[in-house]
PDBML (XML) file of the C-alpha atoms, coordinates in Angstrom:
<?xml version="1.0" encoding="UTF-8" ?>
<PDBx:datablock datablockName="MODEL"
   xmlns:PDBx="http://pdbml.pdb.org/schema/pdbx-v50.xsd"
   xmlns:xsi="http://www.w3.org/2001/XMLSchema-instance"
   xsi:schemaLocation="http://pdbml.pdb.org/schema/pdbx-v50.xsd pdbx-v50.xsd">
   <PDBx:atom_siteCategory>
      <PDBx:atom_site id="1">
         <PDBx:B_iso_or_equiv>0.00</PDBx:B_iso_or_equiv>
         <PDBx:Cartn_x>112.246</PDBx:Cartn_x>
         <PDBx:Cartn_y>85.400</PDBx:Cartn_y>
         <PDBx:Cartn_z>126.554</PDBx:Cartn_z>
         <PDBx:auth_asym_id>A</PDBx:auth_asym_id>
         <PDBx:auth_atom_id>CA</PDBx:auth_atom_id>
         <PDBx:auth_comp_id>ARG</PDBx:auth_comp_id>
         <PDBx:auth_seq_id>1</PDBx:auth_seq_id>
         <PDBx:group_PDB>ATOM</PDBx:group_PDB>
         <PDBx:label_alt_id xsi:nil="true" />
         <PDBx:label_asym_id>A</PDBx:label_asym_id>
         <PDBx:label_atom_id>CA</PDBx:label_atom_id>
         <PDBx:label_comp_id>ARG</PDBx:label_comp_id>
         <PDBx:label_entity_id>1</PDBx:label_entity_id>
         <PDBx:label_seq_id>1</PDBx:label_seq_id>
         <PDBx:occupancy>1.00</PDBx:occupancy>
         <PDBx:pdbx_PDB_model_num>1</PDBx:pdbx_PDB_model_num>
         <PDBx:type_symbol>C</PDBx:type_symbol>
      </PDBx:atom_site>
      <PDBx:atom_site id="2">
         <PDBx:B_iso_or_equiv>0.00</PDBx:B_iso_or_equiv>
         <PDBx:Cartn_x>113.531</PDBx:Cartn_x>
         <PDBx:Cartn_y>88.453</PDBx:Cartn_y>
         <PDBx:Cartn_z>124.693</PDBx:Cartn_z>
         <PDBx:auth_asym_id>A</PDBx:auth_asym_id>
         <PDBx:auth_atom_id>CA</PDBx:auth_atom_id>
         <PDBx:auth_comp_id>GLN</PDBx:auth_comp_id>
         <PDBx:auth_seq_id>2</PDBx:auth_seq_id>
         <PDBx:group_PDB>ATOM</PDBx:group_PDB>
         <PDBx:label_alt_id xsi:nil="true" />
         <PDBx:label_asym_id>A</PDBx:label_asym_id>
         <PDBx:label_atom_id>CA</PDBx:label_atom_id>
         <PDBx:label_comp_id>GLN</PDBx:label_comp_id>
         <PDBx:label_entity_id>1</PDBx:label_entity_id>
         <PDBx:label_seq_id>2</PDBx:label_seq_id>
         <PDBx:occupancy>1.00</PDBx:occupancy>
         <PDBx:pdbx_PDB_model_num>1</PDBx:pdbx_PDB_model_num>
         <PDBx:type_symbol>C</PDBx:type_symbol>
      </PDBx:atom_site>
      <PDBx:atom_site id="3">
         <PDBx:B_iso_or_equiv>0.00</PDBx:B_iso_or_equiv>
         <PDBx:Cartn_x>111.812</PDBx:Cartn_x>
         <PDBx:Cartn_y>91.821</PDBx:Cartn_y>
         <PDBx:Cartn_z>124.413</PDBx:Cartn_z>
         <PDBx:auth_asym_id>A</PDBx:auth_asym_id>
         <PDBx:auth_atom_id>CA</PDBx:auth_atom_id>
         <PDBx:auth_comp_id>GLN</PDBx:auth_comp_id>
         <PDBx:auth_seq_id>3</PDBx:auth_seq_id>
         <PDBx:group_PDB>ATOM</PDBx:group_PDB>
         <PDBx:label_alt_id xsi:nil="true" />
         <PDBx:label_asym_id>A</PDBx:label_asym_id>
         <PDBx:label_atom_id>CA</PDBx:label_atom_id>
         <PDBx:label_comp_id>GLN</PDBx:label_comp_id>
         <PDBx:label_entity_id>1</PDBx:label_entity_id>
         <PDBx:label_seq_id>3</PDBx:label_seq_id>
         <PDBx:occupancy>1.00</PDBx:occupancy>
         <PDBx:pdbx_PDB_model_num>1</PDBx:pdbx_PDB_model_num>
         <PDBx:type_symbol>C</PDBx:type_symbol>
      </PDBx:atom_site>
      <PDBx:atom_site id="4">
         <PDBx:B_iso_or_equiv>0.00</PDBx:B_iso_or_equiv>
         <PDBx:Cartn_x>111.038</PDBx:Cartn_x>
         <PDBx:Cartn_y>91.745</PDBx:Cartn_y>
         <PDBx:Cartn_z>120.707</PDBx:Cartn_z>
         <PDBx:auth_asym_id>A</PDBx:auth_asym_id>
         <PDBx:auth_atom_id>CA</PDBx:auth_atom_id>
         <PDBx:auth_comp_id>TYR</PDBx:auth_comp_id>
         <PDBx:auth_seq_id>4</PDBx:auth_seq_id>
         <PDBx:group_PDB>ATOM</PDBx:group_PDB>
         <PDBx:label_alt_id xsi:nil="true" />
         <PDBx:label_asym_id>A</PDBx:label_asym_id>
         <PDBx:label_atom_id>CA</PDBx:label_atom_id>
         <PDBx:label_comp_id>TYR</PDBx:label_comp_id>
         <PDBx:label_entity_id>1</PDBx:label_entity_id>
         <PDBx:label_seq_id>4</PDBx:label_seq_id>
         <PDBx:occupancy>1.00</PDBx:occupancy>
         <PDBx:pdbx_PDB_model_num>1</PDBx:pdbx_PDB_model_num>
         <PDBx:type_symbol>C</PDBx:type_symbol>
      </PDBx:atom_site>
      <PDBx:atom_site id="5">
         <PDBx:B_iso_or_equiv>0.00</PDBx:B_iso_or_equiv>
         <PDBx:Cartn_x>107.901</PDBx:Cartn_x>
         <PDBx:Cartn_y>91.410</PDBx:Cartn_y>
         <PDBx:Cartn_z>118.615</PDBx:Cartn_z>
         <PDBx:auth_asym_id>A</PDBx:auth_asym_id>
         <PDBx:auth_atom_id>CA</PDBx:auth_atom_id>
         <PDBx:auth_comp_id>LYS</PDBx:auth_comp_id>
         <PDBx:auth_seq_id>5</PDBx:auth_seq_id>
         <PDBx:group_PDB>ATOM</PDBx:group_PDB>
         <PDBx:label_alt_id xsi:nil="true" />
         <PDBx:label_asym_id>A</PDBx:label_asym_id>
         <PDBx:label_atom_id>CA</PDBx:label_atom_id>
         <PDBx:label_comp_id>LYS</PDBx:label_comp_id>
         <PDBx:label_entity_id>1</PDBx:label_entity_id>
         <PDBx:label_seq_id>5</PDBx:label_seq_id>
         <PDBx:occupancy>1.00</PDBx:occupancy>
         <PDBx:pdbx_PDB_model_num>1</PDBx:pdbx_PDB_model_num>
         <PDBx:type_symbol>C</PDBx:type_symbol>
      </PDBx:atom_site>
      <PDBx:atom_site id="6">
         <PDBx:B_iso_or_equiv>0.00</PDBx:B_iso_or_equiv>
         <PDBx:Cartn_x>106.975</PDBx:Cartn_x>
         <PDBx:Cartn_y>88.825</PDBx:Cartn_y>
         <PDBx:Cartn_z>116.001</PDBx:Cartn_z>
         <PDBx:auth_asym_id>A</PDBx:auth_asym_id>
         <PDBx:auth_atom_id>CA</PDBx:auth_atom_id>
         <PDBx:auth_comp_id>ALA</PDBx:auth_comp_id>
         <PDBx:auth_seq_id>6</PDBx:auth_seq_id>
         <PDBx:group_PDB>ATOM</PDBx:group_PDB>
         <PDBx:label_alt_id xsi:nil="true" />
         <PDBx:label_asym_id>A</PDBx:label_asym_id>
         <PDBx:label_atom_id>CA</PDBx:label_atom_id>
         <PDBx:label_comp_id>ALA</PDBx:label_comp_id>
         <PDBx:label_entity_id>1</PDBx:label_entity_id>
         <PDBx:label_seq_id>6</PDBx:label_seq_id>
         <PDBx:occupancy>1.00</PDBx:occupancy>
         <PDBx:pdbx_PDB_model_num>1</PDBx:pdbx_PDB_model_num>
         <PDBx:type_symbol>C</PDBx:type_symbol>
      </PDBx:atom_site>
      <PDBx:atom_site id="7">
         <PDBx:B_iso_or_equiv>0.00</PDBx:B_iso_or_equiv>
         <PDBx:Cartn_x>106.956</PDBx:Cartn_x>
         <PDBx:Cartn_y>91.537</PDBx:Cartn_y>
         <PDBx:Cartn_z>113.337</PDBx:Cartn_z>
         <PDBx:auth_asym_id>A</PDBx:auth_asym_id>
         <PDBx:auth_atom_id>CA</PDBx:auth_atom_id>
         <PDBx:auth_comp_id>GLU</PDBx:auth_comp_id>
         <PDBx:auth_seq_id>7</PDBx:auth_seq_id>
         <PDBx:group_PDB>ATOM</PDBx:group_PDB>
         <PDBx:label_alt_id xsi:nil="true" />
         <PDBx:label_asym_id>A</PDBx:label_asym_id>
         <PDBx:label_atom_id>CA</PDBx:label_atom_id>
         <PDBx:label_comp_id>GLU</PDBx:label_comp_id>
         <PDBx:label_entity_id>1</PDBx:label_entity_id>
         <PDBx:label_seq_id>7</PDBx:label_seq_id>
         <PDBx:occupancy>1.00</PDBx:occupancy>
         <PDBx:pdbx_PDB_model_num>1</PDBx:pdbx_PDB_model_num>
         <PDBx:type_symbol>C</PDBx:type_symbol>
      </PDBx:atom_site>
      <PDBx:atom_site id="8">
         <PDBx:B_iso_or_equiv>0.00</PDBx:B_iso_or_equiv>
         <PDBx:Cartn_x>110.634</PDBx:Cartn_x>
         <PDBx:Cartn_y>92.270</PDBx:Cartn_y>
         <PDBx:Cartn_z>114.131</PDBx:Cartn_z>
         <PDBx:auth_asym_id>A</PDBx:auth_asym_id>
         <PDBx:auth_atom_id>CA</PDBx:auth_atom_id>
         <PDBx:auth_comp_id>GLN</PDBx:auth_comp_id>
         <PDBx:auth_seq_id>8</PDBx:auth_seq_id>
         <PDBx:group_PDB>ATOM</PDBx:group_PDB>
         <PDBx:label_alt_id xsi:nil="true" />
         <PDBx:label_asym_id>A</PDBx:label_asym_id>
         <PDBx:label_atom_id>CA</PDBx:label_atom_id>
         <PDBx:label_comp_id>GLN</PDBx:label_comp_id>
         <PDBx:label_entity_id>1</PDBx:label_entity_id>
         <PDBx:label_seq_id>8</PDBx:label_seq_id>
         <PDBx:occupancy>1.00</PDBx:occupancy>
         <PDBx:pdbx_PDB_model_num>1</PDBx:pdbx_PDB_model_num>
         <PDBx:type_symbol>C</PDBx:type_symbol>
      </PDBx:atom_site>
      <PDBx:atom_site id="9">
         <PDBx:B_iso_or_equiv>0.00</PDBx:B_iso_or_equiv>
         <PDBx:Cartn_x>111.924</PDBx:Cartn_x>
         <PDBx:Cartn_y>88.818</PDBx:Cartn_y>
         <PDBx:Cartn_z>113.157</PDBx:Cartn_z>
         <PDBx:auth_asym_id>A</PDBx:auth_asym_id>
         <PDBx:auth_atom_id>CA</PDBx:auth_atom_id>
         <PDBx:auth_comp_id>ILE</PDBx:auth_comp_id>
         <PDBx:auth_seq_id>9</PDBx:auth_seq_id>
         <PDBx:group_PDB>ATOM</PDBx:group_PDB>
         <PDBx:label_alt_id xsi:nil="true" />
         <PDBx:label_asym_id>A</PDBx:label_asym_id>
         <PDBx:label_atom_id>CA</PDBx:label_atom_id>
         <PDBx:label_comp_id>ILE</PDBx:label_comp_id>
         <PDBx:label_entity_id>1</PDBx:label_entity_id>
         <PDBx:label_seq_id>9</PDBx:label_seq_id>
         <PDBx:occupancy>1.00</PDBx:occupancy>
         <PDBx:pdbx_PDB_model_num>1</PDBx:pdbx_PDB_model_num>
         <PDBx:type_symbol>C</PDBx:type_symbol>
      </PDBx:atom_site>
      <PDBx:atom_site id="10">
         <PDBx:B_iso_or_equiv>0.00</PDBx:B_iso_or_equiv>
         <PDBx:Cartn_x>114.884</PDBx:Cartn_x>
         <PDBx:Cartn_y>89.242</PDBx:Cartn_y>
         <PDBx:Cartn_z>110.811</PDBx:Cartn_z>
         <PDBx:auth_asym_id>A</PDBx:auth_asym_id>
         <PDBx:auth_atom_id>CA</PDBx:auth_atom_id>
         <PDBx:auth_comp_id>GLY</PDBx:auth_comp_id>
         <PDBx:auth_seq_id>10</PDBx:auth_seq_id>
         <PDBx:group_PDB>ATOM</PDBx:group_PDB>
         <PDBx:label_alt_id xsi:nil="true" />
         <PDBx:label_asym_id>A</PDBx:label_asym_id>
         <PDBx:label_atom_id>CA</PDBx:label_atom_id>
         <PDBx:label_comp_id>GLY</PDBx:label_comp_id>
         <PDBx:label_entity_id>1</PDBx:label_entity_id>
         <PDBx:label_seq_id>10</PDBx:label_seq_id>
         <PDBx:occupancy>1.00</PDBx:occupancy>
         <PDBx:pdbx_PDB_model_num>1</PDBx:pdbx_PDB_model_num>
         <PDBx:type_symbol>C</PDBx:type_symbol>
      </PDBx:atom_site>
      <PDBx:atom_site id="11">
         <PDBx:B_iso_or_equiv>0.00</PDBx:B_iso_or_equiv>
         <PDBx:Cartn_x>115.856</PDBx:Cartn_x>
         <PDBx:Cartn_y>92.703</PDBx:Cartn_y>
         <PDBx:Cartn_z>112.037</PDBx:Cartn_z>
         <PDBx:auth_asym_id>A</PDBx:auth_asym_id>
         <PDBx:auth_atom_id>CA</PDBx:auth_atom_id>
         <PDBx:auth_comp_id>LYS</PDBx:auth_comp_id>
         <PDBx:auth_seq_id>11</PDBx:auth_seq_id>
         <PDBx:group_PDB>ATOM</PDBx:group_PDB>
         <PDBx:label_alt_id xsi:nil="true" />
         <PDBx:label_asym_id>A</PDBx:label_asym_id>
         <PDBx:label_atom_id>CA</PDBx:label_atom_id>
         <PDBx:label_comp_id>LYS</PDBx:label_comp_id>
         <PDBx:label_entity_id>1</PDBx:label_entity_id>
         <PDBx:label_seq_id>11</PDBx:label_seq_id>
         <PDBx:occupancy>1.00</PDBx:occupancy>
         <PDBx:pdbx_PDB_model_num>1</PDBx:pdbx_PDB_model_num>
         <PDBx:type_symbol>C</PDBx:type_symbol>
      </PDBx:atom_site>
      <PDBx:atom_site id="12">
         <PDBx:B_iso_or_equiv>0.00</PDBx:B_iso_or_equiv>
         <PDBx:Cartn_x>119.141</PDBx:Cartn_x>
         <PDBx:Cartn_y>93.343</PDBx:Cartn_y>
         <PDBx:Cartn_z>113.779</PDBx:Cartn_z>
         <PDBx:auth_asym_id>A</PDBx:auth_asym_id>
         <PDBx:auth_atom_id>CA</PDBx:auth_atom_id>
         <PDBx:auth_comp_id>PHE</PDBx:auth_comp_id>
         <PDBx:auth_seq_id>12</PDBx:auth_seq_id>
         <PDBx:group_PDB>ATOM</PDBx:group_PDB>
         <PDBx:label_alt_id xsi:nil="true" />
         <PDBx:label_asym_id>A</PDBx:label_asym_id>
         <PDBx:label_atom_id>CA</PDBx:label_atom_id>
         <PDBx:label_comp_id>PHE</PDBx:label_comp_id>
         <PDBx:label_entity_id>1</PDBx:label_entity_id>
         <PDBx:label_seq_id>12</PDBx:label_seq_id>
         <PDBx:occupancy>1.00</PDBx:occupancy>
         <PDBx:pdbx_PDB_model_num>1</PDBx:pdbx_PDB_model_num>
         <PDBx:type_symbol>C</PDBx:type_symbol>
      </PDBx:atom_site>
      <PDBx:atom_site id="13">
         <PDBx:B_iso_or_equiv>0.00</PDBx:B_iso_or_equiv>
         <PDBx:Cartn_x>118.558</PDBx:Cartn_x>
         <PDBx:Cartn_y>93.333</PDBx:Cartn_y>
         <PDBx:Cartn_z>117.519</PDBx:Cartn_z>
         <PDBx:auth_asym_id>A</PDBx:auth_asym_id>
         <PDBx:auth_atom_id>CA</PDBx:auth_atom_id>
         <PDBx:auth_comp_id>LYS</PDBx:auth_comp_id>
         <PDBx:auth_seq_id>13</PDBx:auth_seq_id>
         <PDBx:group_PDB>ATOM</PDBx:group_PDB>
         <PDBx:label_alt_id xsi:nil="true" />
         <PDBx:label_asym_id>A</PDBx:label_asym_id>
         <PDBx:label_atom_id>CA</PDBx:label_atom_id>
         <PDBx:label_comp_id>LYS</PDBx:label_comp_id>
         <PDBx:label_entity_id>1</PDBx:label_entity_id>
         <PDBx:label_seq_id>13</PDBx:label_seq_id>
         <PDBx:occupancy>1.00</PDBx:occupancy>
         <PDBx:pdbx_PDB_model_num>1</PDBx:pdbx_PDB_model_num>
         <PDBx:type_symbol>C</PDBx:type_symbol>
      </PDBx:atom_site>
      <PDBx:atom_site id="14">
         <PDBx:B_iso_or_equiv>0.00</PDBx:B_iso_or_equiv>
         <PDBx:Cartn_x>120.157</PDBx:Cartn_x>
         <PDBx:Cartn_y>96.757</PDBx:Cartn_y>
         <PDBx:Cartn_z>117.822</PDBx:Cartn_z>
         <PDBx:auth_asym_id>A</PDBx:auth_asym_id>
         <PDBx:auth_atom_id>CA</PDBx:auth_atom_id>
         <PDBx:auth_comp_id>THR</PDBx:auth_comp_id>
         <PDBx:auth_seq_id>14</PDBx:auth_seq_id>
         <PDBx:group_PDB>ATOM</PDBx:group_PDB>
         <PDBx:label_alt_id xsi:nil="true" />
         <PDBx:label_asym_id>A</PDBx:label_asym_id>
         <PDBx:label_atom_id>CA</PDBx:label_atom_id>
         <PDBx:label_comp_id>THR</PDBx:label_comp_id>
         <PDBx:label_entity_id>1</PDBx:label_entity_id>
         <PDBx:label_seq_id>14</PDBx:label_seq_id>
         <PDBx:occupancy>1.00</PDBx:occupancy>
         <PDBx:pdbx_PDB_model_num>1</PDBx:pdbx_PDB_model_num>
         <PDBx:type_symbol>C</PDBx:type_symbol>
      </PDBx:atom_site>
      <PDBx:atom_site id="15">
         <PDBx:B_iso_or_equiv>0.00</PDBx:B_iso_or_equiv>
         <PDBx:Cartn_x>117.588</PDBx:Cartn_x>
         <PDBx:Cartn_y>98.147</PDBx:Cartn_y>
         <PDBx:Cartn_z>115.392</PDBx:Cartn_z>
         <PDBx:auth_asym_id>A</PDBx:auth_asym_id>
         <PDBx:auth_atom_id>CA</PDBx:auth_atom_id>
         <PDBx:auth_comp_id>GLU</PDBx:auth_comp_id>
         <PDBx:auth_seq_id>15</PDBx:auth_seq_id>
         <PDBx:group_PDB>ATOM</PDBx:group_PDB>
         <PDBx:label_alt_id xsi:nil="true" />
         <PDBx:label_asym_id>A</PDBx:label_asym_id>
         <PDBx:label_atom_id>CA</PDBx:label_atom_id>
         <PDBx:label_comp_id>GLU</PDBx:label_comp_id>
         <PDBx:label_entity_id>1</PDBx:label_entity_id>
         <PDBx:label_seq_id>15</PDBx:label_seq_id>
         <PDBx:occupancy>1.00</PDBx:occupancy>
         <PDBx:pdbx_PDB_model_num>1</PDBx:pdbx_PDB_model_num>
         <PDBx:type_symbol>C</PDBx:type_symbol>
      </PDBx:atom_site>
      <PDBx:atom_site id="16">
         <PDBx:B_iso_or_equiv>0.00</PDBx:B_iso_or_equiv>
         <PDBx:Cartn_x>114.601</PDBx:Cartn_x>
         <PDBx:Cartn_y>96.291</PDBx:Cartn_y>
         <PDBx:Cartn_z>116.849</PDBx:Cartn_z>
         <PDBx:auth_asym_id>A</PDBx:auth_asym_id>
         <PDBx:auth_atom_id>CA</PDBx:auth_atom_id>
         <PDBx:auth_comp_id>ALA</PDBx:auth_comp_id>
         <PDBx:auth_seq_id>16</PDBx:auth_seq_id>
         <PDBx:group_PDB>ATOM</PDBx:group_PDB>
         <PDBx:label_alt_id xsi:nil="true" />
         <PDBx:label_asym_id>A</PDBx:label_asym_id>
         <PDBx:label_atom_id>CA</PDBx:label_atom_id>
         <PDBx:label_comp_id>ALA</PDBx:label_comp_id>
         <PDBx:label_entity_id>1</PDBx:label_entity_id>
         <PDBx:label_seq_id>16</PDBx:label_seq_id>
         <PDBx:occupancy>1.00</PDBx:occupancy>
         <PDBx:pdbx_PDB_model_num>1</PDBx:pdbx_PDB_model_num>
         <PDBx:type_symbol>C</PDBx:type_symbol>
      </PDBx:atom_site>
      <PDBx:atom_site id="17">
         <PDBx:B_iso_or_equiv>0.00</PDBx:B_iso_or_equiv>
         <PDBx:Cartn_x>115.392</PDBx:Cartn_x>
         <PDBx:Cartn_y>97.132</PDBx:Cartn_y>
         <PDBx:Cartn_z>120.470</PDBx:Cartn_z>
         <PDBx:auth_asym_id>A</PDBx:auth_asym_id>
         <PDBx:auth_atom_id>CA</PDBx:auth_atom_id>
         <PDBx:auth_comp_id>LEU</PDBx:auth_comp_id>
         <PDBx:auth_seq_id>17</PDBx:auth_seq_id>
         <PDBx:group_PDB>ATOM</PDBx:group_PDB>
         <PDBx:label_alt_id xsi:nil="true" />
         <PDBx:label_asym_id>A</PDBx:label_asym_id>
         <PDBx:label_atom_id>CA</PDBx:label_atom_id>
         <PDBx:label_comp_id>LEU</PDBx:label_comp_id>
         <PDBx:label_entity_id>1</PDBx:label_entity_id>
         <PDBx:label_seq_id>17</PDBx:label_seq_id>
         <PDBx:occupancy>1.00</PDBx:occupancy>
         <PDBx:pdbx_PDB_model_num>1</PDBx:pdbx_PDB_model_num>
         <PDBx:type_symbol>C</PDBx:type_symbol>
      </PDBx:atom_site>
      <PDBx:atom_site id="18">
         <PDBx:B_iso_or_equiv>0.00</PDBx:B_iso_or_equiv>
         <PDBx:Cartn_x>115.973</PDBx:Cartn_x>
         <PDBx:Cartn_y>100.776</PDBx:Cartn_y>
         <PDBx:Cartn_z>119.566</PDBx:Cartn_z>
         <PDBx:auth_asym_id>A</PDBx:auth_asym_id>
         <PDBx:auth_atom_id>CA</PDBx:auth_atom_id>
         <PDBx:auth_comp_id>SER</PDBx:auth_comp_id>
         <PDBx:auth_seq_id>18</PDBx:auth_seq_id>
         <PDBx:group_PDB>ATOM</PDBx:group_PDB>
         <PDBx:label_alt_id xsi:nil="true" />
         <PDBx:label_asym_id>A</PDBx:label_asym_id>
         <PDBx:label_atom_id>CA</PDBx:label_atom_id>
         <PDBx:label_comp_id>SER</PDBx:label_comp_id>
         <PDBx:label_entity_id>1</PDBx:label_entity_id>
         <PDBx:label_seq_id>18</PDBx:label_seq_id>
         <PDBx:occupancy>1.00</PDBx:occupancy>
         <PDBx:pdbx_PDB_model_num>1</PDBx:pdbx_PDB_model_num>
         <PDBx:type_symbol>C</PDBx:type_symbol>
      </PDBx:atom_site>
      <PDBx:atom_site id="19">
         <PDBx:B_iso_or_equiv>0.00</PDBx:B_iso_or_equiv>
         <PDBx:Cartn_x>112.497</PDBx:Cartn_x>
         <PDBx:Cartn_y>100.883</PDBx:Cartn_y>
         <PDBx:Cartn_z>118.037</PDBx:Cartn_z>
         <PDBx:auth_asym_id>A</PDBx:auth_asym_id>
         <PDBx:auth_atom_id>CA</PDBx:auth_atom_id>
         <PDBx:auth_comp_id>GLU</PDBx:auth_comp_id>
         <PDBx:auth_seq_id>19</PDBx:auth_seq_id>
         <PDBx:group_PDB>ATOM</PDBx:group_PDB>
         <PDBx:label_alt_id xsi:nil="true" />
         <PDBx:label_asym_id>A</PDBx:label_asym_id>
         <PDBx:label_atom_id>CA</PDBx:label_atom_id>
         <PDBx:label_comp_id>GLU</PDBx:label_comp_id>
         <PDBx:label_entity_id>1</PDBx:label_entity_id>
         <PDBx:label_seq_id>19</PDBx:label_seq_id>
         <PDBx:occupancy>1.00</PDBx:occupancy>
         <PDBx:pdbx_PDB_model_num>1</PDBx:pdbx_PDB_model_num>
         <PDBx:type_symbol>C</PDBx:type_symbol>
      </PDBx:atom_site>
      <PDBx:atom_site id="20">
         <PDBx:B_iso_or_equiv>0.00</PDBx:B_iso_or_equiv>
         <PDBx:Cartn_x>110.971</PDBx:Cartn_x>
         <PDBx:Cartn_y>99.447</PDBx:Cartn_y>
         <PDBx:Cartn_z>121.198</PDBx:Cartn_z>
         <PDBx:auth_asym_id>A</PDBx:auth_asym_id>
         <PDBx:auth_atom_id>CA</PDBx:auth_atom_id>
         <PDBx:auth_comp_id>ASN</PDBx:auth_comp_id>
         <PDBx:auth_seq_id>20</PDBx:auth_seq_id>
         <PDBx:group_PDB>ATOM</PDBx:group_PDB>
         <PDBx:label_alt_id xsi:nil="true" />
         <PDBx:label_asym_id>A</PDBx:label_asym_id>
         <PDBx:label_atom_id>CA</PDBx:label_atom_id>
         <PDBx:label_comp_id>ASN</PDBx:label_comp_id>
         <PDBx:label_entity_id>1</PDBx:label_entity_id>
         <PDBx:label_seq_id>20</PDBx:label_seq_id>
         <PDBx:occupancy>1.00</PDBx:occupancy>
         <PDBx:pdbx_PDB_model_num>1</PDBx:pdbx_PDB_model_num>
         <PDBx:type_symbol>C</PDBx:type_symbol>
      </PDBx:atom_site>
      <PDBx:atom_site id="21">
         <PDBx:B_iso_or_equiv>0.00</PDBx:B_iso_or_equiv>
         <PDBx:Cartn_x>112.926</PDBx:Cartn_x>
         <PDBx:Cartn_y>101.688</PDBx:Cartn_y>
         <PDBx:Cartn_z>123.544</PDBx:Cartn_z>
         <PDBx:auth_asym_id>A</PDBx:auth_asym_id>
         <PDBx:auth_atom_id>CA</PDBx:auth_atom_id>
         <PDBx:auth_comp_id>LEU</PDBx:auth_comp_id>
         <PDBx:auth_seq_id>21</PDBx:auth_seq_id>
         <PDBx:group_PDB>ATOM</PDBx:group_PDB>
         <PDBx:label_alt_id xsi:nil="true" />
         <PDBx:label_asym_id>A</PDBx:label_asym_id>
         <PDBx:label_atom_id>CA</PDBx:label_atom_id>
         <PDBx:label_comp_id>LEU</PDBx:label_comp_id>
         <PDBx:label_entity_id>1</PDBx:label_entity_id>
         <PDBx:label_seq_id>21</PDBx:label_seq_id>
         <PDBx:occupancy>1.00</PDBx:occupancy>
         <PDBx:pdbx_PDB_model_num>1</PDBx:pdbx_PDB_model_num>
         <PDBx:type_symbol>C</PDBx:type_symbol>
      </PDBx:atom_site>
      <PDBx:atom_site id="22">
         <PDBx:B_iso_or_equiv>0.00</PDBx:B_iso_or_equiv>
         <PDBx:Cartn_x>111.899</PDBx:Cartn_x>
         <PDBx:Cartn_y>104.799</PDBx:Cartn_y>
         <PDBx:Cartn_z>121.626</PDBx:Cartn_z>
         <PDBx:auth_asym_id>A</PDBx:auth_asym_id>
         <PDBx:auth_atom_id>CA</PDBx:auth_atom_id>
         <PDBx:auth_comp_id>LYS</PDBx:auth_comp_id>
         <PDBx:auth_seq_id>22</PDBx:auth_seq_id>
         <PDBx:group_PDB>ATOM</PDBx:group_PDB>
         <PDBx:label_alt_id xsi:nil="true" />
         <PDBx:label_asym_id>A</PDBx:label_asym_id>
         <PDBx:label_atom_id>CA</PDBx:label_atom_id>
         <PDBx:label_comp_id>LYS</PDBx:label_comp_id>
         <PDBx:label_entity_id>1</PDBx:label_entity_id>
         <PDBx:label_seq_id>22</PDBx:label_seq_id>
         <PDBx:occupancy>1.00</PDBx:occupancy>
         <PDBx:pdbx_PDB_model_num>1</PDBx:pdbx_PDB_model_num>
         <PDBx:type_symbol>C</PDBx:type_symbol>
      </PDBx:atom_site>
      <PDBx:atom_site id="23">
         <PDBx:B_iso_or_equiv>0.00</PDBx:B_iso_or_equiv>
         <PDBx:Cartn_x>108.284</PDBx:Cartn_x>
         <PDBx:Cartn_y>103.847</PDBx:Cartn_y>
         <PDBx:Cartn_z>122.255</PDBx:Cartn_z>
         <PDBx:auth_asym_id>A</PDBx:auth_asym_id>
         <PDBx:auth_atom_id>CA</PDBx:auth_atom_id>
         <PDBx:auth_comp_id>GLU</PDBx:auth_comp_id>
         <PDBx:auth_seq_id>23</PDBx:auth_seq_id>
         <PDBx:group_PDB>ATOM</PDBx:group_PDB>
         <PDBx:label_alt_id xsi:nil="true" />
         <PDBx:label_asym_id>A</PDBx:label_asym_id>
         <PDBx:label_atom_id>CA</PDBx:label_atom_id>
         <PDBx:label_comp_id>GLU</PDBx:label_comp_id>
         <PDBx:label_entity_id>1</PDBx:label_entity_id>
         <PDBx:label_seq_id>23</PDBx:label_seq_id>
         <PDBx:occupancy>1.00</PDBx:occupancy>
         <PDBx:pdbx_PDB_model_num>1</PDBx:pdbx_PDB_model_num>
         <PDBx:type_symbol>C</PDBx:type_symbol>
      </PDBx:atom_site>
      <PDBx:atom_site id="24">
         <PDBx:B_iso_or_equiv>0.00</PDBx:B_iso_or_equiv>
         <PDBx:Cartn_x>108.905</PDBx:Cartn_x>
         <PDBx:Cartn_y>103.171</PDBx:Cartn_y>
         <PDBx:Cartn_z>125.946</PDBx:Cartn_z>
         <PDBx:auth_asym_id>A</PDBx:auth_asym_id>
         <PDBx:auth_atom_id>CA</PDBx:auth_atom_id>
         <PDBx:auth_comp_id>ILE</PDBx:auth_comp_id>
         <PDBx:auth_seq_id>24</PDBx:auth_seq_id>
         <PDBx:group_PDB>ATOM</PDBx:group_PDB>
         <PDBx:label_alt_id xsi:nil="true" />
         <PDBx:label_asym_id>A</PDBx:label_asym_id>
         <PDBx:label_atom_id>CA</PDBx:label_atom_id>
         <PDBx:label_comp_id>ILE</PDBx:label_comp_id>
         <PDBx:label_entity_id>1</PDBx:label_entity_id>
         <PDBx:label_seq_id>24</PDBx:label_seq_id>
         <PDBx:occupancy>1.00</PDBx:occupancy>
         <PDBx:pdbx_PDB_model_num>1</PDBx:pdbx_PDB_model_num>
         <PDBx:type_symbol>C</PDBx:type_symbol>
      </PDBx:atom_site>
      <PDBx:atom_site id="25">
         <PDBx:B_iso_or_equiv>0.00</PDBx:B_iso_or_equiv>
         <PDBx:Cartn_x>111.292</PDBx:Cartn_x>
         <PDBx:Cartn_y>106.003</PDBx:Cartn_y>
         <PDBx:Cartn_z>126.827</PDBx:Cartn_z>
         <PDBx:auth_asym_id>A</PDBx:auth_asym_id>
         <PDBx:auth_atom_id>CA</PDBx:auth_atom_id>
         <PDBx:auth_comp_id>ALA</PDBx:auth_comp_id>
         <PDBx:auth_seq_id>25</PDBx:auth_seq_id>
         <PDBx:group_PDB>ATOM</PDBx:group_PDB>
         <PDBx:label_alt_id xsi:nil="true" />
         <PDBx:label_asym_id>A</PDBx:label_asym_id>
         <PDBx:label_atom_id>CA</PDBx:label_atom_id>
         <PDBx:label_comp_id>ALA</PDBx:label_comp_id>
         <PDBx:label_entity_id>1</PDBx:label_entity_id>
         <PDBx:label_seq_id>25</PDBx:label_seq_id>
         <PDBx:occupancy>1.00</PDBx:occupancy>
         <PDBx:pdbx_PDB_model_num>1</PDBx:pdbx_PDB_model_num>
         <PDBx:type_symbol>C</PDBx:type_symbol>
      </PDBx:atom_site>
   </PDBx:atom_siteCategory>
</PDBx:datablock>
């Protein structure tokens, strides 16, 4: 239900979401 990827398991959510947002916007 959360907007993360399997390869991001173990990362802080702040770090992982930042990565995804930088790709999107």
